[in-house]
């Protein structure tokens, strides 16, 4: 029984730094990579916005909807 306890302690001591390093890497680099590589969301052109680009807009500017 003591052999099993010693083996479990040794395995835990060997795996703890590895698991801690992987967790730290995932929290830092994993999140940063997802933020940098994730595509930007595209906006849809709705008909409500298209009416502002007609005769009231000057020099390519849009009129405020308020």
C-alpha atoms as a PDB file:
ATOM      1  CA  UNK A   1       0.000   0.000   0.000  1.00  0.00           C
ATOM      2  CA  UNK A   2       2.845   2.367   0.708  1.00  0.00           C
ATOM      3  CA  UNK A   3       4.243   1.666  -2.727  1.00  0.00           C
ATOM      4  CA  UNK A   4       0.982   2.820  -4.303  1.00  0.00           C
ATOM      5  CA  UNK A   5       0.965   5.953  -2.129  1.00  0.00           C
ATOM      6  CA  UNK A   6       4.540   6.768  -3.061  1.00  0.00           C
ATOM      7  CA  UNK A   7       3.786   6.237  -6.765  1.00  0.00           C
ATOM      8  CA  UNK A   8       0.738   8.516  -6.612  1.00  0.00           C
ATOM      9  CA  UNK A   9       2.717  11.236  -4.815  1.00  0.00           C
ATOM     10  CA  UNK A  10       5.535  10.982  -7.342  1.00  0.00           C
ATOM     11  CA  UNK A  11       3.163  11.115 -10.285  1.00  0.00           C
ATOM     12  CA  UNK A  12       1.334  14.074  -8.771  1.00  0.00           C
ATOM     13  CA  UNK A  13       4.581  15.924  -8.176  1.00  0.00           C
ATOM     14  CA  UNK A  14       5.661  15.290 -11.771  1.00  0.00           C
ATOM     15  CA  UNK A  15       2.338  16.280 -13.351  1.00  0.00           C
ATOM     16  CA  UNK A  16       1.598  19.376 -11.260  1.00  0.00           C
ATOM     17  CA  UNK A  17       4.128  21.689 -13.015  1.00  0.00           C
ATOM     18  CA  UNK A  18       3.044  20.399 -16.416  1.00  0.00           C
ATOM     19  CA  UNK A  19      -0.645  20.944 -15.741  1.00  0.00           C
ATOM     20  CA  UNK A  20       0.019  24.379 -14.225  1.00  0.00           C
ATOM     21  CA  UNK A  21       2.077  25.415 -17.246  1.00  0.00           C
ATOM     22  CA  UNK A  22      -0.574  24.234 -19.691  1.00  0.00           C
ATOM     23  CA  UNK A  23      -3.307  26.053 -17.777  1.00  0.00           C
ATOM     24  CA  UNK A  24      -1.294  29.278 -17.712  1.00  0.00           C
ATOM     25  CA  UNK A  25      -0.547  28.968 -21.432  1.00  0.00           C
ATOM     26  CA  UNK A  26      -4.200  28.426 -22.283  1.00  0.00           C
ATOM     27  CA  UNK A  27      -5.335  31.384 -20.198  1.00  0.00           C
ATOM     28  CA  UNK A  28      -2.780  33.759 -21.744  1.00  0.00           C
ATOM     29  CA  UNK A  29      -1.788  32.712 -25.256  1.00  0.00           C
ATOM     30  CA  UNK A  30      -4.965  30.784 -26.024  1.00  0.00           C
ATOM     31  CA  UNK A  31      -7.147  33.787 -25.330  1.00  0.00           C
ATOM     32  CA  UNK A  32      -4.805  36.160 -27.167  1.00  0.00           C
ATOM     33  CA  UNK A  33      -4.676  33.961 -30.242  1.00  0.00           C
ATOM     34  CA  UNK A  34      -8.464  33.699 -30.333  1.00  0.00           C
ATOM     35  CA  UNK A  35      -8.774  37.472 -30.082  1.00  0.00           C
ATOM     36  CA  UNK A  36      -6.196  38.154 -32.795  1.00  0.00           C
ATOM     37  CA  UNK A  37      -7.283  35.501 -35.279  1.00  0.00           C
ATOM     38  CA  UNK A  38     -11.055  35.758 -34.819  1.00  0.00           C
ATOM     39  CA  UNK A  39     -12.717  37.431 -37.824  1.00  0.00           C
ATOM     40  CA  UNK A  40     -14.322  40.825 -37.350  1.00  0.00           C
ATOM     41  CA  UNK A  41     -18.120  40.718 -37.425  1.00  0.00           C
ATOM     42  CA  UNK A  42     -19.606  42.123 -40.601  1.00  0.00           C
ATOM     43  CA  UNK A  43     -22.506  44.530 -40.513  1.00  0.00           C
ATOM     44  CA  UNK A  44     -25.513  44.080 -42.738  1.00  0.00           C
ATOM     45  CA  UNK A  45     -26.781  46.890 -44.876  1.00  0.00           C
ATOM     46  CA  UNK A  46     -30.398  47.282 -43.968  1.00  0.00           C
ATOM     47  CA  UNK A  47     -32.991  49.164 -46.039  1.00  0.00           C
ATOM     48  CA  UNK A  48     -33.558  51.576 -43.152  1.00  0.00           C
ATOM     49  CA  UNK A  49     -29.972  52.772 -43.431  1.00  0.00           C
ATOM     50  CA  UNK A  50     -29.986  52.987 -47.209  1.00  0.00           C
ATOM     51  CA  UNK A  51     -32.526  55.816 -47.330  1.00  0.00           C
ATOM     52  CA  UNK A  52     -30.055  58.113 -45.539  1.00  0.00           C
ATOM     53  CA  UNK A  53     -27.525  57.855 -48.360  1.00  0.00           C
ATOM     54  CA  UNK A  54     -29.735  59.477 -50.975  1.00  0.00           C
ATOM     55  CA  UNK A  55     -30.232  63.144 -51.710  1.00  0.00           C
ATOM     56  CA  UNK A  56     -29.589  64.348 -48.147  1.00  0.00           C
ATOM     57  CA  UNK A  57     -26.046  63.041 -47.913  1.00  0.00           C
ATOM     58  CA  UNK A  58     -23.247  65.311 -49.075  1.00  0.00           C
ATOM     59  CA  UNK A  59     -19.736  64.281 -50.045  1.00  0.00           C
ATOM     60  CA  UNK A  60     -20.320  60.636 -49.128  1.00  0.00           C
ATOM     61  CA  UNK A  61     -21.294  61.460 -45.547  1.00  0.00           C
ATOM     62  CA  UNK A  62     -24.266  59.887 -43.875  1.00  0.00           C
ATOM     63  CA  UNK A  63     -26.923  61.846 -42.100  1.00  0.00           C
ATOM     64  CA  UNK A  64     -27.570  61.038 -38.460  1.00  0.00           C
ATOM     65  CA  UNK A  65     -30.761  59.041 -37.894  1.00  0.00           C
ATOM     66  CA  UNK A  66     -31.873  61.203 -34.928  1.00  0.00           C
END
